[in-house]
N, C-alpha and C. Protein backbone atom coordinates (compact mmCIF):
# COMPACT_ATOMS: atom_id res chain seq x y z
N MET A 1 -12.76 -13.15 12.57
CA MET A 1 -11.33 -13.39 12.72
C MET A 1 -10.85 -12.67 13.98
N LYS A 2 -10.05 -13.32 14.78
CA LYS A 2 -9.54 -12.72 16.01
C LYS A 2 -8.57 -11.60 15.67
N PRO A 3 -8.44 -10.54 16.53
CA PRO A 3 -7.51 -9.45 16.26
C PRO A 3 -6.08 -9.93 16.04
N ALA A 4 -5.61 -10.90 16.82
CA ALA A 4 -4.24 -11.39 16.65
C ALA A 4 -4.08 -12.04 15.28
N SER A 5 -5.08 -12.78 14.84
CA SER A 5 -5.02 -13.41 13.54
C SER A 5 -5.02 -12.37 12.44
N LEU A 6 -5.80 -11.31 12.59
CA LEU A 6 -5.84 -10.25 11.61
C LEU A 6 -4.49 -9.55 11.52
N SER A 7 -3.88 -9.24 12.67
CA SER A 7 -2.58 -8.57 12.64
C SER A 7 -1.52 -9.47 12.02
N THR A 8 -1.61 -10.77 12.27
CA THR A 8 -0.69 -11.72 11.66
C THR A 8 -0.85 -11.70 10.15
N LEU A 9 -2.07 -11.76 9.69
CA LEU A 9 -2.34 -11.75 8.26
C LEU A 9 -1.86 -10.45 7.64
N LEU A 10 -2.13 -9.32 8.28
CA LEU A 10 -1.71 -8.04 7.74
C LEU A 10 -0.20 -7.93 7.66
N ALA A 11 0.49 -8.41 8.67
CA ALA A 11 1.95 -8.35 8.67
C ALA A 11 2.52 -9.14 7.52
N LEU A 12 2.02 -10.30 7.32
CA LEU A 12 2.57 -11.16 6.28
C LEU A 12 2.08 -10.76 4.90
N CYS A 13 0.94 -10.10 4.80
CA CYS A 13 0.50 -9.60 3.50
C CYS A 13 1.46 -8.55 2.98
N LEU A 14 2.06 -7.77 3.86
CA LEU A 14 3.05 -6.79 3.44
C LEU A 14 4.22 -7.49 2.78
N LEU A 15 4.51 -8.68 3.20
CA LEU A 15 5.68 -9.41 2.71
C LEU A 15 5.38 -10.26 1.48
N VAL A 16 4.12 -10.41 1.10
CA VAL A 16 3.77 -11.32 0.02
C VAL A 16 4.16 -10.75 -1.33
N LEU A 17 4.85 -11.54 -2.11
CA LEU A 17 5.18 -11.20 -3.49
C LEU A 17 4.26 -11.98 -4.42
N PRO A 18 4.02 -11.45 -5.61
CA PRO A 18 3.23 -12.22 -6.56
C PRO A 18 3.90 -13.57 -6.82
N ALA A 19 3.10 -14.60 -6.99
CA ALA A 19 3.63 -15.95 -7.15
C ALA A 19 4.60 -16.05 -8.31
N GLN A 20 4.31 -15.38 -9.43
CA GLN A 20 5.20 -15.50 -10.57
C GLN A 20 6.56 -14.87 -10.29
N ALA A 21 6.65 -13.90 -9.40
CA ALA A 21 7.94 -13.27 -9.08
C ALA A 21 8.78 -14.15 -8.17
N ARG A 22 8.15 -15.05 -7.39
CA ARG A 22 8.88 -15.86 -6.43
C ARG A 22 8.85 -17.35 -6.78
N ALA A 23 8.40 -17.70 -7.96
CA ALA A 23 8.29 -19.11 -8.33
C ALA A 23 9.60 -19.84 -8.11
N GLY A 24 9.53 -20.98 -7.44
CA GLY A 24 10.71 -21.80 -7.24
C GLY A 24 11.60 -21.40 -6.09
N VAL A 25 11.30 -20.37 -5.34
CA VAL A 25 12.14 -19.94 -4.23
C VAL A 25 11.75 -20.71 -2.98
N THR A 26 12.74 -21.23 -2.27
CA THR A 26 12.48 -21.93 -1.02
C THR A 26 13.25 -21.25 0.10
N ALA A 27 12.85 -21.49 1.32
CA ALA A 27 13.49 -20.86 2.46
C ALA A 27 14.90 -21.37 2.69
N SER A 28 15.29 -22.46 2.06
CA SER A 28 16.63 -22.99 2.25
C SER A 28 17.64 -22.43 1.25
N GLU A 29 17.21 -21.55 0.38
CA GLU A 29 18.13 -20.95 -0.58
C GLU A 29 19.19 -20.14 0.15
N PRO A 30 20.37 -20.01 -0.43
CA PRO A 30 21.40 -19.18 0.19
C PRO A 30 20.98 -17.72 0.20
N ALA A 31 21.48 -16.99 1.19
CA ALA A 31 21.16 -15.57 1.28
C ALA A 31 21.82 -14.84 0.14
N GLU A 32 21.03 -14.01 -0.53
CA GLU A 32 21.57 -13.15 -1.58
C GLU A 32 20.59 -12.01 -1.77
N ALA A 33 21.09 -10.90 -2.24
CA ALA A 33 20.24 -9.74 -2.42
C ALA A 33 19.32 -9.97 -3.61
N SER A 34 18.10 -9.51 -3.51
CA SER A 34 17.18 -9.59 -4.63
C SER A 34 17.70 -8.70 -5.75
N GLU A 35 17.39 -9.08 -6.97
CA GLU A 35 17.85 -8.30 -8.11
C GLU A 35 16.90 -7.16 -8.42
N HIS A 36 15.78 -7.10 -7.77
CA HIS A 36 14.80 -6.04 -8.04
C HIS A 36 14.44 -5.34 -6.74
N HIS A 37 13.90 -4.15 -6.88
CA HIS A 37 13.42 -3.43 -5.70
C HIS A 37 11.97 -3.81 -5.47
N LEU A 38 11.64 -4.04 -4.24
CA LEU A 38 10.27 -4.37 -3.90
C LEU A 38 9.45 -3.08 -3.90
N PRO A 39 8.16 -3.15 -4.23
CA PRO A 39 7.35 -1.96 -4.47
C PRO A 39 7.12 -1.03 -3.29
N ILE A 40 7.11 -1.54 -2.07
CA ILE A 40 6.89 -0.67 -0.91
C ILE A 40 8.21 -0.54 -0.16
N SER A 41 8.56 0.68 0.18
CA SER A 41 9.74 0.85 1.05
C SER A 41 9.44 1.96 2.04
N PHE A 42 9.97 1.81 3.23
CA PHE A 42 9.83 2.84 4.25
C PHE A 42 11.02 2.77 5.18
N VAL A 43 11.20 3.82 5.95
CA VAL A 43 12.36 3.95 6.83
C VAL A 43 11.88 4.08 8.26
N ARG A 44 12.56 3.38 9.16
CA ARG A 44 12.28 3.48 10.60
C ARG A 44 13.56 3.95 11.28
N ALA A 45 13.55 5.15 11.84
CA ALA A 45 14.72 5.71 12.51
C ALA A 45 14.95 5.03 13.86
N HIS A 46 16.23 5.01 14.30
CA HIS A 46 16.57 4.49 15.62
C HIS A 46 17.80 5.21 16.14
N SER A 47 18.07 5.06 17.42
CA SER A 47 19.23 5.72 18.05
C SER A 47 20.16 4.69 18.69
N LEU A 48 20.11 3.45 18.23
CA LEU A 48 20.83 2.36 18.88
C LEU A 48 22.24 2.15 18.36
N GLY A 49 22.54 2.64 17.20
CA GLY A 49 23.78 2.27 16.53
C GLY A 49 23.53 1.00 15.72
N ARG A 50 24.35 0.79 14.71
CA ARG A 50 24.11 -0.31 13.78
C ARG A 50 24.15 -1.69 14.44
N ALA A 51 25.16 -1.95 15.27
CA ALA A 51 25.31 -3.29 15.86
C ALA A 51 24.11 -3.65 16.74
N GLU A 52 23.69 -2.73 17.60
CA GLU A 52 22.55 -3.01 18.48
C GLU A 52 21.26 -3.12 17.67
N ALA A 53 21.09 -2.27 16.67
CA ALA A 53 19.89 -2.34 15.83
C ALA A 53 19.82 -3.67 15.09
N ARG A 54 20.97 -4.14 14.62
CA ARG A 54 21.01 -5.43 13.92
C ARG A 54 20.60 -6.56 14.86
N GLU A 55 21.06 -6.51 16.09
CA GLU A 55 20.68 -7.51 17.09
C GLU A 55 19.18 -7.47 17.35
N ARG A 56 18.62 -6.26 17.44
CA ARG A 56 17.18 -6.12 17.69
C ARG A 56 16.35 -6.63 16.51
N VAL A 57 16.81 -6.35 15.29
CA VAL A 57 16.12 -6.87 14.11
C VAL A 57 16.16 -8.39 14.13
N GLN A 58 17.28 -8.96 14.54
CA GLN A 58 17.37 -10.42 14.65
C GLN A 58 16.39 -10.95 15.68
N GLN A 59 16.20 -10.24 16.78
CA GLN A 59 15.21 -10.65 17.78
C GLN A 59 13.81 -10.67 17.16
N LEU A 60 13.50 -9.65 16.36
CA LEU A 60 12.21 -9.59 15.68
C LEU A 60 12.07 -10.76 14.70
N LEU A 61 13.13 -11.05 13.97
CA LEU A 61 13.10 -12.18 13.04
C LEU A 61 12.92 -13.50 13.77
N THR A 62 13.53 -13.63 14.93
CA THR A 62 13.36 -14.84 15.75
C THR A 62 11.89 -14.98 16.15
N TYR A 63 11.29 -13.88 16.58
CA TYR A 63 9.87 -13.87 16.93
C TYR A 63 9.02 -14.31 15.74
N TRP A 64 9.25 -13.69 14.58
CA TRP A 64 8.48 -14.05 13.39
C TRP A 64 8.74 -15.50 12.99
N GLY A 65 9.98 -15.97 13.17
CA GLY A 65 10.30 -17.35 12.84
C GLY A 65 9.55 -18.33 13.71
N GLU A 66 9.51 -18.05 15.02
CA GLU A 66 8.81 -18.93 15.94
C GLU A 66 7.31 -18.88 15.72
N ARG A 67 6.81 -17.71 15.43
CA ARG A 67 5.37 -17.53 15.29
C ARG A 67 4.84 -17.97 13.93
N PHE A 68 5.60 -17.66 12.86
CA PHE A 68 5.10 -17.87 11.50
C PHE A 68 5.97 -18.82 10.66
N GLY A 69 7.12 -19.26 11.19
CA GLY A 69 8.00 -20.11 10.41
C GLY A 69 8.81 -19.37 9.37
N VAL A 70 8.92 -18.07 9.51
CA VAL A 70 9.66 -17.22 8.58
C VAL A 70 11.16 -17.41 8.82
N GLN A 71 11.95 -17.30 7.76
CA GLN A 71 13.40 -17.40 7.90
C GLN A 71 14.06 -16.14 7.37
N GLY A 72 15.16 -15.75 8.02
CA GLY A 72 15.93 -14.60 7.58
C GLY A 72 17.34 -15.02 7.20
N PHE A 73 17.84 -14.45 6.11
CA PHE A 73 19.18 -14.75 5.63
C PHE A 73 19.97 -13.45 5.58
N TRP A 74 21.00 -13.35 6.40
CA TRP A 74 21.80 -12.13 6.51
C TRP A 74 22.95 -12.14 5.51
N THR A 75 23.18 -11.00 4.91
CA THR A 75 24.37 -10.71 4.12
C THR A 75 24.81 -9.34 4.60
N GLY A 76 25.87 -9.31 5.41
CA GLY A 76 26.28 -8.04 6.01
C GLY A 76 25.18 -7.52 6.91
N ASN A 77 24.72 -6.31 6.64
CA ASN A 77 23.67 -5.69 7.44
C ASN A 77 22.32 -5.70 6.73
N THR A 78 22.17 -6.57 5.75
CA THR A 78 20.92 -6.72 5.03
C THR A 78 20.38 -8.12 5.28
N VAL A 79 19.10 -8.19 5.61
CA VAL A 79 18.47 -9.50 5.83
C VAL A 79 17.35 -9.67 4.82
N ARG A 80 17.37 -10.82 4.15
CA ARG A 80 16.30 -11.21 3.25
C ARG A 80 15.41 -12.14 4.04
N VAL A 81 14.13 -11.84 4.11
CA VAL A 81 13.17 -12.60 4.89
C VAL A 81 12.29 -13.36 3.90
N VAL A 82 12.20 -14.68 4.09
CA VAL A 82 11.41 -15.51 3.18
C VAL A 82 10.61 -16.53 3.96
N GLY A 83 9.57 -17.01 3.35
CA GLY A 83 8.75 -18.05 3.96
C GLY A 83 7.49 -18.27 3.16
N ARG A 84 6.58 -19.02 3.75
CA ARG A 84 5.29 -19.29 3.14
C ARG A 84 4.21 -19.09 4.20
N LEU A 85 3.10 -18.54 3.77
CA LEU A 85 1.94 -18.39 4.63
C LEU A 85 0.72 -18.76 3.82
N PHE A 86 -0.06 -19.68 4.31
CA PHE A 86 -1.24 -20.16 3.60
C PHE A 86 -0.89 -20.57 2.17
N GLY A 87 0.30 -21.16 2.00
CA GLY A 87 0.72 -21.64 0.70
C GLY A 87 1.28 -20.58 -0.24
N VAL A 88 1.40 -19.35 0.23
CA VAL A 88 1.89 -18.26 -0.61
C VAL A 88 3.30 -17.89 -0.18
N ALA A 89 4.23 -17.88 -1.12
CA ALA A 89 5.61 -17.51 -0.83
C ALA A 89 5.71 -15.99 -0.67
N PHE A 90 6.60 -15.54 0.21
CA PHE A 90 6.81 -14.11 0.38
C PHE A 90 8.28 -13.82 0.61
N GLU A 91 8.63 -12.55 0.42
CA GLU A 91 10.00 -12.08 0.64
C GLU A 91 9.95 -10.60 1.02
N ALA A 92 10.89 -10.21 1.85
CA ALA A 92 11.08 -8.80 2.19
C ALA A 92 12.57 -8.60 2.43
N ARG A 93 12.99 -7.37 2.49
CA ARG A 93 14.39 -7.06 2.74
C ARG A 93 14.45 -5.89 3.73
N LEU A 94 15.30 -6.05 4.76
CA LEU A 94 15.54 -4.98 5.72
C LEU A 94 17.03 -4.68 5.71
N VAL A 95 17.36 -3.40 5.62
CA VAL A 95 18.75 -2.96 5.63
C VAL A 95 18.96 -2.16 6.91
N VAL A 96 19.87 -2.62 7.76
CA VAL A 96 20.12 -1.97 9.05
C VAL A 96 21.25 -0.97 8.89
N GLY A 97 20.96 0.28 9.20
CA GLY A 97 21.96 1.34 9.13
C GLY A 97 22.29 1.87 10.52
N ASP A 98 23.21 2.83 10.57
CA ASP A 98 23.63 3.41 11.85
C ASP A 98 22.49 4.07 12.61
N ASP A 99 21.53 4.67 11.89
CA ASP A 99 20.46 5.40 12.55
C ASP A 99 19.07 5.13 11.96
N ARG A 100 18.97 4.09 11.11
CA ARG A 100 17.68 3.76 10.50
C ARG A 100 17.69 2.34 9.97
N VAL A 101 16.49 1.82 9.83
CA VAL A 101 16.29 0.54 9.16
C VAL A 101 15.40 0.83 7.96
N VAL A 102 15.85 0.43 6.79
CA VAL A 102 15.07 0.59 5.57
C VAL A 102 14.44 -0.75 5.26
N ALA A 103 13.13 -0.76 5.11
CA ALA A 103 12.39 -1.98 4.82
C ALA A 103 11.79 -1.89 3.43
N GLU A 104 11.89 -2.98 2.70
CA GLU A 104 11.26 -3.08 1.38
C GLU A 104 10.40 -4.34 1.38
N ALA A 105 9.24 -4.24 0.80
CA ALA A 105 8.34 -5.39 0.72
C ALA A 105 7.39 -5.19 -0.45
N SER A 106 6.66 -6.24 -0.74
CA SER A 106 5.67 -6.15 -1.81
C SER A 106 4.45 -5.38 -1.34
N ASP A 107 3.69 -4.93 -2.31
CA ASP A 107 2.46 -4.19 -2.04
C ASP A 107 1.30 -5.17 -1.93
N PRO A 108 0.64 -5.24 -0.75
CA PRO A 108 -0.47 -6.18 -0.60
C PRO A 108 -1.75 -5.69 -1.25
N GLY A 109 -1.72 -4.53 -1.85
CA GLY A 109 -2.90 -3.98 -2.49
C GLY A 109 -3.45 -2.79 -1.74
N PHE A 110 -4.27 -2.04 -2.42
CA PHE A 110 -4.79 -0.78 -1.91
C PHE A 110 -5.49 -0.92 -0.56
N PHE A 111 -6.29 -1.93 -0.38
CA PHE A 111 -7.11 -2.04 0.83
C PHE A 111 -6.33 -2.43 2.08
N MET A 112 -5.20 -3.11 1.92
CA MET A 112 -4.45 -3.58 3.09
C MET A 112 -3.11 -2.87 3.26
N ARG A 113 -2.73 -2.04 2.32
CA ARG A 113 -1.42 -1.39 2.33
C ARG A 113 -1.16 -0.63 3.62
N GLY A 114 -2.03 0.25 4.01
CA GLY A 114 -1.83 1.08 5.20
C GLY A 114 -1.72 0.26 6.48
N ALA A 115 -2.61 -0.70 6.64
CA ALA A 115 -2.58 -1.54 7.84
C ALA A 115 -1.32 -2.38 7.91
N ALA A 116 -0.88 -2.90 6.78
CA ALA A 116 0.34 -3.72 6.76
C ALA A 116 1.57 -2.89 7.09
N ILE A 117 1.69 -1.72 6.50
CA ILE A 117 2.82 -0.84 6.79
C ILE A 117 2.79 -0.43 8.26
N ASP A 118 1.61 -0.12 8.77
CA ASP A 118 1.48 0.25 10.18
C ASP A 118 1.94 -0.88 11.09
N TYR A 119 1.57 -2.12 10.80
CA TYR A 119 1.97 -3.26 11.63
C TYR A 119 3.49 -3.40 11.65
N ILE A 120 4.11 -3.39 10.49
CA ILE A 120 5.57 -3.55 10.41
C ILE A 120 6.26 -2.39 11.12
N ASN A 121 5.77 -1.17 10.92
CA ASN A 121 6.35 -0.01 11.61
C ASN A 121 6.23 -0.13 13.12
N ARG A 122 5.08 -0.62 13.60
CA ARG A 122 4.92 -0.78 15.05
C ARG A 122 5.87 -1.83 15.60
N LYS A 123 6.01 -2.96 14.88
CA LYS A 123 6.93 -4.01 15.34
C LYS A 123 8.37 -3.51 15.33
N LEU A 124 8.78 -2.83 14.26
CA LEU A 124 10.13 -2.28 14.24
C LEU A 124 10.30 -1.24 15.35
N GLY A 125 9.28 -0.41 15.55
CA GLY A 125 9.34 0.59 16.62
C GLY A 125 9.50 -0.03 17.99
N LYS A 126 8.82 -1.13 18.23
CA LYS A 126 8.93 -1.83 19.50
C LYS A 126 10.33 -2.38 19.69
N TYR A 127 10.83 -3.10 18.70
CA TYR A 127 12.14 -3.74 18.84
C TYR A 127 13.30 -2.76 18.76
N LEU A 128 13.12 -1.62 18.12
CA LEU A 128 14.19 -0.63 18.01
C LEU A 128 14.12 0.44 19.10
N ASN A 129 13.17 0.31 20.02
CA ASN A 129 13.07 1.23 21.14
C ASN A 129 14.20 0.94 22.12
N PRO A 130 14.99 1.94 22.50
CA PRO A 130 16.11 1.70 23.42
C PRO A 130 15.70 1.08 24.75
N ARG A 131 14.44 1.28 25.18
CA ARG A 131 13.99 0.72 26.46
C ARG A 131 13.43 -0.69 26.32
N TYR A 132 13.29 -1.19 25.09
CA TYR A 132 12.76 -2.54 24.89
C TYR A 132 13.79 -3.57 25.30
N GLU A 133 13.35 -4.56 26.09
CA GLU A 133 14.21 -5.67 26.48
C GLU A 133 13.50 -6.96 26.16
N GLU A 134 14.20 -7.87 25.51
CA GLU A 134 13.65 -9.19 25.21
C GLU A 134 13.46 -9.94 26.51
N SER A 135 12.28 -10.53 26.72
CA SER A 135 12.04 -11.25 27.97
C SER A 135 12.37 -12.70 27.86
């Protein structure tokens, strides 16, 4: 498997929910907060302020949308991310704050957990870096 393909798989594995938890959910559903907490959560600090950080998270979502067909649904400063990869539905939630982004996602399992969290943290770190500019 090519490194880019592996990183793609790892990123989306972090977002995968068990099929029974997401049965019947489609990407065209209206945005609404999940009623449960997803098993993995972590925080990524930033110094951009809430409005700029929200714009940067949207840029990341646009990238994921173009690359993987993922969709994001905003409610205030919270985005629910949904889609399908290899026929498996997934969901994640990112909450943009004044000085941090809190991410919640499903647990891809013991063997891939660290790599998946690392990938998402690196992507958030890239897009939330004050010197990062979308080309």
